[in-house]
PDB file of N, CA and C in Angstrom:
ATOM      1  N   UNK A   1     -24.788  21.038  -7.621  1.00  0.00           N
ATOM      2  CA  UNK A   1     -23.632  21.226  -7.843  1.00  0.00           C
ATOM      3  C   UNK A   1     -23.346  22.260  -8.660  1.00  0.00           C
ATOM      4  N   UNK A   2     -22.478  23.303  -8.187  1.00  0.00           N
ATOM      5  CA  UNK A   2     -22.109  24.588  -9.196  1.00  0.00           C
ATOM      6  C   UNK A   2     -21.259  24.052 -10.158  1.00  0.00           C
ATOM      7  N   UNK A   3     -21.675  24.620 -11.432  1.00  0.00           N
ATOM      8  CA  UNK A   3     -20.868  24.021 -12.669  1.00  0.00           C
ATOM      9  C   UNK A   3     -19.488  24.722 -12.888  1.00  0.00           C
ATOM     10  N   UNK A   4     -19.349  26.058 -12.097  1.00  0.00           N
ATOM     11  CA  UNK A   4     -18.027  26.714 -11.822  1.00  0.00           C
ATOM     12  C   UNK A   4     -17.873  27.186 -10.500  1.00  0.00           C
ATOM     13  N   UNK A   5     -17.454  26.263  -9.678  1.00  0.00           N
ATOM     14  CA  UNK A   5     -17.300  26.380  -8.407  1.00  0.00           C
ATOM     15  C   UNK A   5     -16.198  27.489  -7.863  1.00  0.00           C
ATOM     16  N   UNK A   6     -16.544  28.319  -7.062  1.00  0.00           N
ATOM     17  CA  UNK A   6     -15.483  29.338  -6.342  1.00  0.00           C
ATOM     18  C   UNK A   6     -15.291  28.879  -5.075  1.00  0.00           C
ATOM     19  N   UNK A   7     -13.973  28.722  -4.732  1.00  0.00           N
ATOM     20  CA  UNK A   7     -13.297  28.629  -3.254  1.00  0.00           C
ATOM     21  C   UNK A   7     -13.400  29.864  -2.653  1.00  0.00           C
ATOM     22  N   UNK A   8     -13.877  30.193  -1.435  1.00  0.00           N
ATOM     23  CA  UNK A   8     -14.024  31.267  -0.588  1.00  0.00           C
ATOM     24  C   UNK A   8     -12.650  31.542  -0.246  1.00  0.00           C
ATOM     25  N   UNK A   9     -12.126  32.910   0.237  1.00  0.00           N
ATOM     26  CA  UNK A   9     -10.732  33.084   0.617  1.00  0.00           C
ATOM     27  C   UNK A   9     -10.561  32.048   1.795  1.00  0.00           C
ATOM     28  N   UNK A  10      -9.529  31.332   1.439  1.00  0.00           N
ATOM     29  CA  UNK A  10      -9.184  30.404   2.428  1.00  0.00           C
ATOM     30  C   UNK A  10      -7.551  30.462   3.004  1.00  0.00           C
ATOM     31  N   UNK A  11      -7.323  29.944   3.965  1.00  0.00           N
ATOM     32  CA  UNK A  11      -5.869  29.794   4.486  1.00  0.00           C
ATOM     33  C   UNK A  11      -5.478  28.147   4.259  1.00  0.00           C
ATOM     34  N   UNK A  12      -4.412  28.112   3.410  1.00  0.00           N
ATOM     35  CA  UNK A  12      -3.712  26.614   3.197  1.00  0.00           C
ATOM     36  C   UNK A  12      -2.575  26.670   4.236  1.00  0.00           C
ATOM     37  N   UNK A  13      -2.642  25.371   4.675  1.00  0.00           N
ATOM     38  CA  UNK A  13      -1.464  25.375   5.771  1.00  0.00           C
ATOM     39  C   UNK A  13      -1.035  23.939   5.580  1.00  0.00           C
ATOM     40  N   UNK A  14       0.527  23.717   5.264  1.00  0.00           N
ATOM     41  CA  UNK A  14       0.828  22.425   5.157  1.00  0.00           C
ATOM     42  C   UNK A  14       0.746  21.848   6.321  1.00  0.00           C
ATOM     43  N   UNK A  15       0.433  20.337   6.280  1.00  0.00           N
ATOM     44  CA  UNK A  15       0.295  19.350   7.473  1.00  0.00           C
ATOM     45  C   UNK A  15       0.924  18.199   7.191  1.00  0.00           C
ATOM     46  N   UNK A  16       1.072  17.374   8.233  1.00  0.00           N
ATOM     47  CA  UNK A  16       1.871  16.088   8.049  1.00  0.00           C
ATOM     48  C   UNK A  16       1.092  15.334   9.070  1.00  0.00           C
ATOM     49  N   UNK A  17       0.469  13.995   8.601  1.00  0.00           N
ATOM     50  CA  UNK A  17       0.024  13.107   9.432  1.00  0.00           C
ATOM     51  C   UNK A  17       0.537  11.724   9.376  1.00  0.00           C
ATOM     52  N   UNK A  18       1.221  11.102  10.174  1.00  0.00           N
ATOM     53  CA  UNK A  18       1.721   9.552   9.959  1.00  0.00           C
ATOM     54  C   UNK A  18       2.688   9.621   8.639  1.00  0.00           C
ATOM     55  N   UNK A  19       3.243  10.745   8.470  1.00  0.00           N
ATOM     56  CA  UNK A  19       4.308  10.532   7.233  1.00  0.00           C
ATOM     57  C   UNK A  19       3.811  11.113   5.870  1.00  0.00           C
ATOM     58  N   UNK A  20       2.306  11.095   5.870  1.00  0.00           N
ATOM     59  CA  UNK A  20       1.562  11.828   4.841  1.00  0.00           C
ATOM     60  C   UNK A  20       1.547  13.068   4.751  1.00  0.00           C
ATOM     61  N   UNK A  21       1.990  13.729   3.604  1.00  0.00           N
ATOM     62  CA  UNK A  21       1.903  15.237   3.461  1.00  0.00           C
ATOM     63  C   UNK A  21       0.384  15.761   3.173  1.00  0.00           C
ATOM     64  N   UNK A  22      -0.145  16.715   3.549  1.00  0.00           N
ATOM     65  CA  UNK A  22      -1.490  17.029   3.394  1.00  0.00           C
ATOM     66  C   UNK A  22      -1.485  18.750   3.288  1.00  0.00           C
ATOM     67  N   UNK A  23      -2.654  19.213   3.109  1.00  0.00           N
ATOM     68  CA  UNK A  23      -2.964  20.612   3.054  1.00  0.00           C
ATOM     69  C   UNK A  23      -4.132  20.980   3.775  1.00  0.00           C
ATOM     70  N   UNK A  24      -4.168  21.492   5.003  1.00  0.00           N
ATOM     71  CA  UNK A  24      -5.163  22.023   5.707  1.00  0.00           C
ATOM     72  C   UNK A  24      -6.028  23.203   5.147  1.00  0.00           C
ATOM     73  N   UNK A  25      -7.221  23.106   4.736  1.00  0.00           N
ATOM     74  CA  UNK A  25      -7.736  24.327   4.183  1.00  0.00           C
ATOM     75  C   UNK A  25      -8.647  24.795   5.289  1.00  0.00           C
ATOM     76  N   UNK A  26      -8.746  26.107   5.606  1.00  0.00           N
ATOM     77  CA  UNK A  26      -9.620  26.925   6.634  1.00  0.00           C
ATOM     78  C   UNK A  26     -10.002  28.042   5.982  1.00  0.00           C
ATOM     79  N   UNK A  27     -11.281  28.476   6.481  1.00  0.00           N
ATOM     80  CA  UNK A  27     -11.892  29.598   6.045  1.00  0.00           C
ATOM     81  C   UNK A  27     -11.393  30.927   6.628  1.00  0.00           C
ATOM     82  N   UNK A  28     -10.573  31.697   5.588  1.00  0.00           N
ATOM     83  CA  UNK A  28      -9.971  32.776   6.107  1.00  0.00           C
ATOM     84  C   UNK A  28     -10.616  33.879   6.796  1.00  0.00           C
ATOM     85  N   UNK A  29     -11.991  34.077   6.277  1.00  0.00           N
ATOM     86  CA  UNK A  29     -12.709  34.848   7.038  1.00  0.00           C
ATOM     87  C   UNK A  29     -13.554  34.553   8.295  1.00  0.00           C
ATOM     88  N   UNK A  30     -13.255  33.341   8.754  1.00  0.00           N
ATOM     89  CA  UNK A  30     -13.739  32.686   9.853  1.00  0.00           C
ATOM     90  C   UNK A  30     -15.470  32.540   9.757  1.00  0.00           C
ATOM     91  N   UNK A  31     -15.967  32.382   8.946  1.00  0.00           N
ATOM     92  CA  UNK A  31     -17.497  32.287   8.717  1.00  0.00           C
ATOM     93  C   UNK A  31     -17.745  30.837   8.733  1.00  0.00           C
ATOM     94  N   UNK A  32     -16.751  29.759   8.522  1.00  0.00           N
ATOM     95  CA  UNK A  32     -16.801  28.422   8.702  1.00  0.00           C
ATOM     96  C   UNK A  32     -15.687  27.938   9.551  1.00  0.00           C
ATOM     97  N   UNK A  33     -16.210  27.246  10.694  1.00  0.00           N
ATOM     98  CA  UNK A  33     -14.982  26.866  11.500  1.00  0.00           C
ATOM     99  C   UNK A  33     -14.524  25.543  11.117  1.00  0.00           C
ATOM    100  N   UNK A  34     -15.076  24.892  10.068  1.00  0.00           N
ATOM    101  CA  UNK A  34     -14.801  23.357   9.715  1.00  0.00           C
ATOM    102  C   UNK A  34     -13.410  23.632   8.899  1.00  0.00           C
ATOM    103  N   UNK A  35     -12.660  22.595   8.920  1.00  0.00           N
ATOM    104  CA  UNK A  35     -11.526  22.354   8.096  1.00  0.00           C
ATOM    105  C   UNK A  35     -11.626  21.271   7.160  1.00  0.00           C
ATOM    106  N   UNK A  36     -10.675  21.115   6.217  1.00  0.00           N
ATOM    107  CA  UNK A  36     -10.600  20.073   5.230  1.00  0.00           C
ATOM    108  C   UNK A  36      -9.180  19.529   4.892  1.00  0.00           C
ATOM    109  N   UNK A  37      -8.825  18.589   5.234  1.00  0.00           N
ATOM    110  CA  UNK A  37      -7.354  17.951   4.921  1.00  0.00           C
ATOM    111  C   UNK A  37      -7.408  17.263   3.462  1.00  0.00           C
ATOM    112  N   UNK A  38      -6.413  17.728   2.614  1.00  0.00           N
ATOM    113  CA  UNK A  38      -6.400  17.260   1.059  1.00  0.00           C
ATOM    114  C   UNK A  38      -4.952  16.992   0.814  1.00  0.00           C
ATOM    115  N   UNK A  39      -4.691  15.750   0.236  1.00  0.00           N
ATOM    116  CA  UNK A  39      -3.535  15.341  -0.259  1.00  0.00           C
ATOM    117  C   UNK A  39      -3.231  16.487  -1.398  1.00  0.00           C
ATOM    118  N   UNK A  40      -1.845  16.829  -1.691  1.00  0.00           N
ATOM    119  CA  UNK A  40      -1.473  17.829  -2.452  1.00  0.00           C
ATOM    120  C   UNK A  40      -2.062  17.867  -3.988  1.00  0.00           C
ATOM    121  N   UNK A  41      -2.357  16.526  -4.567  1.00  0.00           N
ATOM    122  CA  UNK A  41      -2.950  16.612  -5.902  1.00  0.00           C
ATOM    123  C   UNK A  41      -4.497  17.091  -5.968  1.00  0.00           C
ATOM    124  N   UNK A  42      -5.199  16.756  -4.603  1.00  0.00           N
ATOM    125  CA  UNK A  42      -6.498  17.207  -4.210  1.00  0.00           C
ATOM    126  C   UNK A  42      -6.644  18.687  -4.284  1.00  0.00           C
ATOM    127  N   UNK A  43      -5.390  19.223  -3.430  1.00  0.00           N
ATOM    128  CA  UNK A  43      -5.543  20.588  -3.276  1.00  0.00           C
ATOM    129  C   UNK A  43      -5.261  21.311  -4.551  1.00  0.00           C
ATOM    130  N   UNK A  44      -4.441  20.847  -5.531  1.00  0.00           N
ATOM    131  CA  UNK A  44      -4.185  21.303  -6.777  1.00  0.00           C
ATOM    132  C   UNK A  44      -5.645  21.495  -7.636  1.00  0.00           C
ATOM    133  N   UNK A  45      -6.656  20.451  -7.236  1.00  0.00           N
ATOM    134  CA  UNK A  45      -7.955  20.700  -7.692  1.00  0.00           C
ATOM    135  C   UNK A  45      -8.718  21.613  -7.179  1.00  0.00           C
ATOM    136  N   UNK A  46      -8.599  21.761  -5.858  1.00  0.00           N
ATOM    137  CA  UNK A  46      -9.469  23.003  -5.137  1.00  0.00           C
ATOM    138  C   UNK A  46      -8.888  24.134  -5.686  1.00  0.00           C
ATOM    139  N   UNK A  47      -7.555  24.378  -6.111  1.00  0.00           N
ATOM    140  CA  UNK A  47      -7.266  25.613  -6.185  1.00  0.00           C
ATOM    141  C   UNK A  47      -7.702  26.229  -7.647  1.00  0.00           C
ATOM    142  N   UNK A  48      -8.054  25.264  -8.415  1.00  0.00           N
ATOM    143  CA  UNK A  48      -8.830  25.639  -9.685  1.00  0.00           C
ATOM    144  C   UNK A  48     -10.117  25.882  -9.507  1.00  0.00           C
ATOM    145  N   UNK A  49     -10.765  25.724  -8.398  1.00  0.00           N
ATOM    146  CA  UNK A  49     -12.180  26.207  -8.134  1.00  0.00           C
ATOM    147  C   UNK A  49     -12.090  27.875  -8.084  1.00  0.00           C
ATOM    148  N   UNK A  50     -12.016  28.476  -9.012  1.00  0.00           N
ATOM    149  CA  UNK A  50     -11.866  29.811  -9.004  1.00  0.00           C
ATOM    150  C   UNK A  50     -13.061  30.527  -9.608  1.00  0.00           C
ATOM    151  N   UNK A  51     -14.190  29.872  -9.901  1.00  0.00           N
ATOM    152  CA  UNK A  51     -15.357  30.436 -10.488  1.00  0.00           C
ATOM    153  C   UNK A  51     -15.215  30.651 -12.139  1.00  0.00           C
ATOM    154  N   UNK A  52     -14.102  30.350 -12.515  1.00  0.00           N
ATOM    155  CA  UNK A  52     -13.731  30.356 -13.929  1.00  0.00           C
ATOM    156  C   UNK A  52     -13.825  29.275 -14.714  1.00  0.00           C
ATOM    157  N   UNK A  53     -13.252  28.043 -14.126  1.00  0.00           N
ATOM    158  CA  UNK A  53     -13.181  26.688 -14.750  1.00  0.00           C
ATOM    159  C   UNK A  53     -14.347  25.985 -14.406  1.00  0.00           C
ATOM    160  N   UNK A  54     -14.895  25.149 -15.395  1.00  0.00           N
ATOM    161  CA  UNK A  54     -15.791  23.913 -15.398  1.00  0.00           C
ATOM    162  C   UNK A  54     -15.227  22.899 -14.737  1.00  0.00           C
ATOM    163  N   UNK A  55     -15.921  22.027 -14.161  1.00  0.00           N
ATOM    164  CA  UNK A  55     -15.568  20.883 -13.765  1.00  0.00           C
ATOM    165  C   UNK A  55     -14.786  19.956 -14.727  1.00  0.00           C
ATOM    166  N   UNK A  56     -15.023  20.040 -15.966  1.00  0.00           N
ATOM    167  CA  UNK A  56     -14.549  19.392 -16.962  1.00  0.00           C
ATOM    168  C   UNK A  56     -13.036  20.105 -17.441  1.00  0.00           C
ATOM    169  N   UNK A  57     -13.071  21.467 -17.418  1.00  0.00           N
ATOM    170  CA  UNK A  57     -11.777  21.999 -17.585  1.00  0.00           C
ATOM    171  C   UNK A  57     -10.758  21.884 -16.461  1.00  0.00           C
ATOM    172  N   UNK A  58     -11.360  21.480 -15.202  1.00  0.00           N
ATOM    173  CA  UNK A  58     -10.369  21.241 -14.112  1.00  0.00           C
ATOM    174  C   UNK A  58      -9.895  19.882 -14.272  1.00  0.00           C
ATOM    175  N   UNK A  59     -10.713  18.862 -14.744  1.00  0.00           N
ATOM    176  CA  UNK A  59     -10.268  17.516 -15.204  1.00  0.00           C
ATOM    177  C   UNK A  59      -9.047  17.730 -16.179  1.00  0.00           C
ATOM    178  N   UNK A  60      -9.332  18.376 -17.379  1.00  0.00           N
ATOM    179  CA  UNK A  60      -8.291  18.665 -18.408  1.00  0.00           C
ATOM    180  C   UNK A  60      -6.997  19.171 -17.860  1.00  0.00           C
ATOM    181  N   UNK A  61      -7.032  20.171 -16.934  1.00  0.00           N
ATOM    182  CA  UNK A  61      -6.052  20.834 -16.356  1.00  0.00           C
ATOM    183  C   UNK A  61      -5.189  19.803 -15.517  1.00  0.00           C
ATOM    184  N   UNK A  62      -5.662  18.920 -14.800  1.00  0.00           N
ATOM    185  CA  UNK A  62      -5.216  17.965 -13.921  1.00  0.00           C
ATOM    186  C   UNK A  62      -4.473  17.035 -14.788  1.00  0.00           C
ATOM    187  N   UNK A  63      -5.144  16.394 -15.960  1.00  0.00           N
ATOM    188  CA  UNK A  63      -4.656  15.582 -16.946  1.00  0.00           C
ATOM    189  C   UNK A  63      -3.292  16.280 -17.454  1.00  0.00           C
ATOM    190  N   UNK A  64      -3.192  17.744 -17.715  1.00  0.00           N
ATOM    191  CA  UNK A  64      -2.196  18.222 -18.470  1.00  0.00           C
ATOM    192  C   UNK A  64      -1.150  18.193 -17.628  1.00  0.00           C
ATOM    193  N   UNK A  65      -1.131  18.523 -16.325  1.00  0.00           N
ATOM    194  CA  UNK A  65      -0.237  18.653 -15.219  1.00  0.00           C
ATOM    195  C   UNK A  65       0.318  17.624 -14.716  1.00  0.00           C
ATOM    196  N   UNK A  66      -0.380  16.504 -14.583  1.00  0.00           N
ATOM    197  CA  UNK A  66       0.149  15.151 -14.060  1.00  0.00           C
ATOM    198  C   UNK A  66       0.307  14.163 -14.946  1.00  0.00           C
ATOM    199  N   UNK A  67      -0.092  14.235 -16.387  1.00  0.00           N
ATOM    200  CA  UNK A  67      -0.002  13.356 -17.311  1.00  0.00           C
ATOM    201  C   UNK A  67      -0.812  12.135 -17.357  1.00  0.00           C
ATOM    202  N   UNK A  68      -1.938  12.273 -16.478  1.00  0.00           N
ATOM    203  CA  UNK A  68      -2.799  11.018 -16.371  1.00  0.00           C
ATOM    204  C   UNK A  68      -4.193  11.697 -16.101  1.00  0.00           C
ATOM    205  N   UNK A  69      -5.351  11.019 -16.612  1.00  0.00           N
ATOM    206  CA  UNK A  69      -6.696  11.430 -16.516  1.00  0.00           C
ATOM    207  C   UNK A  69      -7.267  11.242 -14.923  1.00  0.00           C
ATOM    208  N   UNK A  70      -8.206  12.121 -14.790  1.00  0.00           N
ATOM    209  CA  UNK A  70      -8.942  12.076 -13.448  1.00  0.00           C
ATOM    210  C   UNK A  70     -10.375  11.833 -13.641  1.00  0.00           C
ATOM    211  N   UNK A  71     -10.908  11.058 -12.759  1.00  0.00           N
ATOM    212  CA  UNK A  71     -12.308  10.739 -12.888  1.00  0.00           C
ATOM    213  C   UNK A  71     -13.107  11.772 -12.286  1.00  0.00           C
ATOM    214  N   UNK A  72     -14.180  12.187 -13.159  1.00  0.00           N
ATOM    215  CA  UNK A  72     -15.161  13.179 -12.636  1.00  0.00           C
ATOM    216  C   UNK A  72     -15.531  13.078 -11.318  1.00  0.00           C
ATOM    217  N   UNK A  73     -15.899  11.758 -11.026  1.00  0.00           N
ATOM    218  CA  UNK A  73     -16.322  11.490  -9.514  1.00  0.00           C
ATOM    219  C   UNK A  73     -15.247  12.171  -8.588  1.00  0.00           C
ATOM    220  N   UNK A  74     -14.093  11.879  -8.807  1.00  0.00           N
ATOM    221  CA  UNK A  74     -12.820  12.502  -7.850  1.00  0.00           C
ATOM    222  C   UNK A  74     -13.134  13.865  -7.785  1.00  0.00           C
ATOM    223  N   UNK A  75     -13.176  14.631  -8.843  1.00  0.00           N
ATOM    224  CA  UNK A  75     -13.254  16.040  -8.858  1.00  0.00           C
ATOM    225  C   UNK A  75     -14.585  16.314  -7.986  1.00  0.00           C
ATOM    226  N   UNK A  76     -15.498  15.806  -8.336  1.00  0.00           N
ATOM    227  CA  UNK A  76     -16.783  15.974  -7.435  1.00  0.00           C
ATOM    228  C   UNK A  76     -16.753  15.877  -5.944  1.00  0.00           C
ATOM    229  N   UNK A  77     -15.981  14.710  -5.663  1.00  0.00           N
ATOM    230  CA  UNK A  77     -15.634  14.508  -4.323  1.00  0.00           C
ATOM    231  C   UNK A  77     -15.050  15.475  -3.547  1.00  0.00           C
ATOM    232  N   UNK A  78     -13.955  16.047  -4.201  1.00  0.00           N
ATOM    233  CA  UNK A  78     -13.264  17.162  -3.482  1.00  0.00           C
ATOM    234  C   UNK A  78     -14.424  18.257  -3.584  1.00  0.00           C
ATOM    235  N   UNK A  79     -14.766  18.569  -4.658  1.00  0.00           N
ATOM    236  CA  UNK A  79     -15.890  19.741  -4.363  1.00  0.00           C
ATOM    237  C   UNK A  79     -16.975  19.489  -3.144  1.00  0.00           C
ATOM    238  N   UNK A  80     -17.472  18.243  -3.211  1.00  0.00           N
ATOM    239  CA  UNK A  80     -18.411  17.843  -2.006  1.00  0.00           C
ATOM    240  C   UNK A  80     -17.859  18.278  -0.719  1.00  0.00           C
ATOM    241  N   UNK A  81     -16.595  17.746  -0.669  1.00  0.00           N
ATOM    242  CA  UNK A  81     -15.833  17.994   0.740  1.00  0.00           C
ATOM    243  C   UNK A  81     -15.883  19.555   1.117  1.00  0.00           C
ATOM    244  N   UNK A  82     -15.528  20.445   0.235  1.00  0.00           N
ATOM    245  CA  UNK A  82     -15.475  21.501   0.395  1.00  0.00           C
ATOM    246  C   UNK A  82     -16.609  22.388   0.504  1.00  0.00           C
ATOM    247  N   UNK A  83     -17.748  21.889  -0.187  1.00  0.00           N
ATOM    248  CA  UNK A  83     -19.024  22.376   0.027  1.00  0.00           C
ATOM    249  C   UNK A  83     -19.786  22.025   1.336  1.00  0.00           C
ATOM    250  N   UNK A  84     -19.444  20.886   1.805  1.00  0.00           N
ATOM    251  CA  UNK A  84     -19.900  20.395   3.261  1.00  0.00           C
ATOM    252  C   UNK A  84     -19.305  21.261   4.304  1.00  0.00           C
ATOM    253  N   UNK A  85     -17.966  21.974   4.261  1.00  0.00           N
ATOM    254  CA  UNK A  85     -17.150  22.670   5.124  1.00  0.00           C
ATOM    255  C   UNK A  85     -17.604  24.026   4.790  1.00  0.00           C
ATOM    256  N   UNK A  86     -18.500  24.406   3.937  1.00  0.00           N
ATOM    257  CA  UNK A  86     -18.795  25.749   3.566  1.00  0.00           C
ATOM    258  C   UNK A  86     -17.509  26.473   3.053  1.00  0.00           C
ATOM    259  N   UNK A  87     -16.829  25.921   2.286  1.00  0.00           N
ATOM    260  CA  UNK A  87     -15.750  26.767   1.633  1.00  0.00           C
ATOM    261  C   UNK A  87     -15.855  27.128   0.270  1.00  0.00           C
ATOM    262  N   UNK A  88     -16.858  26.789  -0.291  1.00  0.00           N
ATOM    263  CA  UNK A  88     -17.249  27.076  -1.589  1.00  0.00           C
ATOM    264  C   UNK A  88     -18.381  28.170  -1.447  1.00  0.00           C
ATOM    265  N   UNK A  89     -18.098  29.327  -2.391  1.00  0.00           N
ATOM    266  CA  UNK A  89     -19.135  30.323  -2.476  1.00  0.00           C
ATOM    267  C   UNK A  89     -20.443  29.905  -2.936  1.00  0.00           C
ATOM    268  N   UNK A  90     -21.431  30.290  -2.510  1.00  0.00           N
ATOM    269  CA  UNK A  90     -22.886  30.095  -3.063  1.00  0.00           C
ATOM    270  C   UNK A  90     -23.179  30.652  -4.152  1.00  0.00           C
TER     271      UNK A  90
END
């Protein structure tokens, strides 16, 4: 896993499913046809995948914004979903 992951240029589209608010992420360049649906807080994590933040820095930023800690496994899970959809740069 990349220590400072960078999200590819994506399109973020608000989406609602069964009353739950989600954000649909798609590759803006069309290189990947896969999409990822994330709840708003997971989208905030994904938005910090800018190639500048380490995973620990992302966890600290999340805690500062929401006033609660987040498990490293949760951040890694969001990263894994985006990697599997080819939305993270190599």
